[in-house]
């Protein structure tokens, strides 16, 4: 049972925009905030990568990078 709980906990990796950019220097805070601002137009909202709790904006890293990869595939067609 312990291993099952650990697997569930690892599936959700949330961080703030600042934490995300600190961990992933290829992304700037302004760039990520622009993506979030335009999430309805760029498909980011459909990916469920952005979670809001009150005023706090969190990024689900797994879903965000899946969305990034989907953008790459879409552009190569």
N, C-alpha and C. Protein backbone atom coordinates (compact mmCIF):
# COMPACT_ATOMS: atom_id res chain seq x y z
N UNK A 1 0.83 -1.20 0.00
CA UNK A 1 0.00 0.00 0.00
C UNK A 1 0.87 1.25 0.00
N UNK A 2 1.98 1.20 0.70
CA UNK A 2 2.88 2.35 0.77
C UNK A 2 3.40 2.74 -0.62
N UNK A 3 3.76 1.77 -1.43
CA UNK A 3 4.28 2.06 -2.76
C UNK A 3 3.22 2.70 -3.65
N UNK A 4 1.99 2.28 -3.49
CA UNK A 4 0.91 2.84 -4.28
C UNK A 4 0.72 4.32 -3.95
N UNK A 5 0.79 4.69 -2.70
CA UNK A 5 0.66 6.09 -2.29
C UNK A 5 1.81 6.92 -2.84
N UNK A 6 3.02 6.38 -2.82
CA UNK A 6 4.17 7.10 -3.35
C UNK A 6 4.02 7.36 -4.84
N UNK A 7 3.51 6.39 -5.56
CA UNK A 7 3.31 6.55 -7.00
C UNK A 7 2.28 7.63 -7.28
N UNK A 8 1.24 7.68 -6.49
CA UNK A 8 0.22 8.70 -6.67
C UNK A 8 0.79 10.07 -6.38
N UNK A 9 1.58 10.20 -5.35
CA UNK A 9 2.16 11.48 -5.00
C UNK A 9 3.12 11.97 -6.08
N UNK A 10 3.86 11.09 -6.71
CA UNK A 10 4.80 11.49 -7.74
C UNK A 10 4.11 11.91 -9.03
N UNK A 11 2.86 11.53 -9.22
CA UNK A 11 2.15 11.86 -10.44
C UNK A 11 1.80 13.34 -10.53
N UNK A 12 1.73 14.02 -9.41
CA UNK A 12 1.37 15.43 -9.40
C UNK A 12 2.56 16.26 -8.92
N UNK A 13 3.13 17.03 -9.84
CA UNK A 13 4.26 17.88 -9.50
C UNK A 13 3.85 19.31 -9.83
N UNK A 14 3.41 20.03 -8.81
CA UNK A 14 2.97 21.40 -9.00
C UNK A 14 4.03 22.37 -8.50
N UNK A 15 4.13 23.50 -9.16
CA UNK A 15 5.04 24.55 -8.70
C UNK A 15 4.51 25.89 -9.19
N UNK A 16 4.98 26.95 -8.56
CA UNK A 16 4.61 28.29 -8.99
C UNK A 16 5.37 28.63 -10.26
N UNK A 17 5.00 29.74 -10.88
CA UNK A 17 5.70 30.17 -12.09
C UNK A 17 7.17 30.41 -11.79
N UNK A 18 7.46 31.08 -10.68
CA UNK A 18 8.85 31.36 -10.32
C UNK A 18 9.63 30.07 -10.09
N UNK A 19 9.06 29.15 -9.33
CA UNK A 19 9.73 27.87 -9.07
C UNK A 19 9.97 27.11 -10.38
N UNK A 20 8.98 27.13 -11.26
CA UNK A 20 9.10 26.45 -12.54
C UNK A 20 10.26 27.02 -13.35
N UNK A 21 10.35 28.34 -13.40
CA UNK A 21 11.41 28.98 -14.19
C UNK A 21 12.78 28.79 -13.55
N UNK A 22 12.83 28.74 -12.22
CA UNK A 22 14.10 28.47 -11.54
C UNK A 22 14.60 27.06 -11.88
N UNK A 23 13.68 26.11 -11.97
CA UNK A 23 14.03 24.72 -12.27
C UNK A 23 14.28 24.49 -13.75
N UNK A 24 13.69 25.34 -14.59
CA UNK A 24 13.78 25.18 -16.05
C UNK A 24 14.21 26.50 -16.68
N UNK A 25 15.51 26.81 -16.67
CA UNK A 25 15.97 28.13 -17.11
C UNK A 25 15.71 28.45 -18.58
N UNK A 26 15.29 27.49 -19.37
CA UNK A 26 14.93 27.76 -20.76
C UNK A 26 13.67 28.62 -20.85
N UNK A 27 12.90 28.67 -19.77
CA UNK A 27 11.65 29.43 -19.73
C UNK A 27 11.82 30.63 -18.81
N UNK A 28 11.43 31.82 -19.29
CA UNK A 28 11.46 33.01 -18.45
C UNK A 28 10.10 33.18 -17.79
N UNK A 29 10.09 33.91 -16.67
CA UNK A 29 8.81 34.16 -15.98
C UNK A 29 7.84 34.90 -16.89
N UNK A 30 8.33 35.91 -17.58
CA UNK A 30 7.47 36.67 -18.48
C UNK A 30 6.90 35.81 -19.60
N UNK A 31 7.73 34.94 -20.14
CA UNK A 31 7.28 34.05 -21.21
C UNK A 31 6.21 33.08 -20.74
N UNK A 32 6.42 32.50 -19.57
CA UNK A 32 5.44 31.55 -19.02
C UNK A 32 4.15 32.28 -18.66
N UNK A 33 4.28 33.47 -18.07
CA UNK A 33 3.07 34.23 -17.73
C UNK A 33 2.29 34.61 -18.99
N UNK A 34 2.99 34.90 -20.08
CA UNK A 34 2.32 35.21 -21.35
C UNK A 34 1.58 33.98 -21.87
N UNK A 35 2.21 32.81 -21.76
CA UNK A 35 1.53 31.57 -22.17
C UNK A 35 0.27 31.35 -21.34
N UNK A 36 0.37 31.60 -20.03
CA UNK A 36 -0.78 31.42 -19.14
C UNK A 36 -1.87 32.44 -19.47
N UNK A 37 -1.49 33.68 -19.73
CA UNK A 37 -2.45 34.73 -20.06
C UNK A 37 -3.24 34.37 -21.33
N UNK A 38 -2.56 33.76 -22.28
CA UNK A 38 -3.18 33.39 -23.56
C UNK A 38 -3.59 31.92 -23.62
N UNK A 39 -3.78 31.29 -22.46
CA UNK A 39 -4.04 29.85 -22.42
C UNK A 39 -5.29 29.43 -23.19
N UNK A 40 -6.28 30.29 -23.29
CA UNK A 40 -7.50 29.92 -24.02
C UNK A 40 -7.26 29.88 -25.52
N UNK A 41 -6.30 30.65 -25.99
CA UNK A 41 -6.01 30.71 -27.43
C UNK A 41 -4.93 29.73 -27.88
N UNK A 42 -4.03 29.35 -26.97
CA UNK A 42 -2.90 28.51 -27.37
C UNK A 42 -3.06 27.03 -27.00
N UNK A 43 -4.19 26.67 -26.41
CA UNK A 43 -4.44 25.27 -26.08
C UNK A 43 -3.94 24.84 -24.72
N UNK A 44 -3.27 25.73 -24.01
CA UNK A 44 -2.74 25.38 -22.68
C UNK A 44 -3.87 25.08 -21.70
N UNK A 45 -4.99 25.79 -21.83
CA UNK A 45 -6.14 25.54 -20.94
C UNK A 45 -6.67 24.12 -21.11
N UNK A 46 -6.72 23.65 -22.34
CA UNK A 46 -7.22 22.30 -22.62
C UNK A 46 -6.32 21.22 -22.04
N UNK A 47 -5.05 21.53 -21.84
CA UNK A 47 -4.10 20.54 -21.32
C UNK A 47 -4.24 20.34 -19.82
N UNK A 48 -4.94 21.24 -19.14
CA UNK A 48 -5.10 21.21 -17.68
C UNK A 48 -3.77 21.34 -16.94
N UNK A 49 -2.79 21.96 -17.58
CA UNK A 49 -1.48 22.12 -16.95
C UNK A 49 -1.45 23.26 -15.94
N UNK A 50 -2.42 24.17 -16.03
CA UNK A 50 -2.46 25.32 -15.12
C UNK A 50 -3.59 25.10 -14.12
N UNK A 51 -3.24 25.21 -12.84
CA UNK A 51 -4.20 25.02 -11.76
C UNK A 51 -4.24 26.30 -10.95
N UNK A 52 -5.45 26.77 -10.67
CA UNK A 52 -5.60 27.98 -9.86
C UNK A 52 -6.29 27.62 -8.55
N UNK A 53 -5.68 28.09 -7.47
CA UNK A 53 -6.27 27.95 -6.14
C UNK A 53 -6.29 29.36 -5.56
N UNK A 54 -7.46 29.97 -5.59
CA UNK A 54 -7.54 31.37 -5.20
C UNK A 54 -6.75 32.20 -6.20
N UNK A 55 -5.82 33.00 -5.70
CA UNK A 55 -4.97 33.80 -6.57
C UNK A 55 -3.69 33.08 -6.97
N UNK A 56 -3.44 31.95 -6.34
CA UNK A 56 -2.22 31.18 -6.62
C UNK A 56 -2.36 30.44 -7.95
N UNK A 57 -1.36 30.59 -8.80
CA UNK A 57 -1.32 29.89 -10.08
C UNK A 57 -0.22 28.85 -9.99
N UNK A 58 -0.60 27.59 -10.23
CA UNK A 58 0.35 26.49 -10.16
C UNK A 58 0.45 25.81 -11.52
N UNK A 59 1.63 25.27 -11.80
CA UNK A 59 1.87 24.57 -13.05
C UNK A 59 2.08 23.09 -12.75
N UNK A 60 1.33 22.25 -13.42
CA UNK A 60 1.55 20.81 -13.37
C UNK A 60 2.64 20.54 -14.42
N UNK A 61 3.85 20.25 -13.95
CA UNK A 61 4.99 20.14 -14.86
C UNK A 61 4.83 19.03 -15.89
N UNK A 62 4.30 17.90 -15.49
CA UNK A 62 4.14 16.78 -16.42
C UNK A 62 3.21 17.18 -17.56
N UNK A 63 2.07 17.78 -17.23
CA UNK A 63 1.11 18.18 -18.26
C UNK A 63 1.65 19.34 -19.10
N UNK A 64 2.40 20.26 -18.46
CA UNK A 64 2.96 21.39 -19.20
C UNK A 64 3.92 20.90 -20.27
N UNK A 65 4.82 19.99 -19.89
CA UNK A 65 5.79 19.50 -20.87
C UNK A 65 5.14 18.62 -21.93
N UNK A 66 4.05 17.95 -21.59
CA UNK A 66 3.29 17.21 -22.60
C UNK A 66 2.69 18.19 -23.60
N UNK A 67 2.20 19.33 -23.10
CA UNK A 67 1.65 20.37 -23.98
C UNK A 67 2.76 20.95 -24.86
N UNK A 68 3.93 21.20 -24.29
CA UNK A 68 5.06 21.72 -25.07
C UNK A 68 5.39 20.75 -26.20
N UNK A 69 5.47 19.47 -25.88
CA UNK A 69 5.79 18.46 -26.89
C UNK A 69 4.72 18.41 -27.97
N UNK A 70 3.46 18.58 -27.59
CA UNK A 70 2.38 18.60 -28.57
C UNK A 70 2.51 19.80 -29.51
N UNK A 71 2.99 20.93 -28.99
CA UNK A 71 3.21 22.11 -29.83
C UNK A 71 4.29 21.82 -30.86
N UNK A 72 5.32 21.11 -30.43
CA UNK A 72 6.42 20.74 -31.32
C UNK A 72 5.92 19.84 -32.45
N UNK A 73 5.09 18.86 -32.12
CA UNK A 73 4.56 17.94 -33.12
C UNK A 73 3.61 18.66 -34.08
N UNK A 74 2.84 19.59 -33.54
CA UNK A 74 1.88 20.32 -34.37
C UNK A 74 2.61 21.20 -35.38
N UNK A 75 3.72 21.80 -34.96
CA UNK A 75 4.47 22.69 -35.84
C UNK A 75 5.26 21.97 -36.92
N UNK A 76 5.54 20.69 -36.74
CA UNK A 76 6.36 19.97 -37.71
C UNK A 76 5.56 19.37 -38.86
N UNK A 77 4.25 19.49 -38.82
CA UNK A 77 3.42 18.90 -39.88
C UNK A 77 3.43 19.76 -41.12
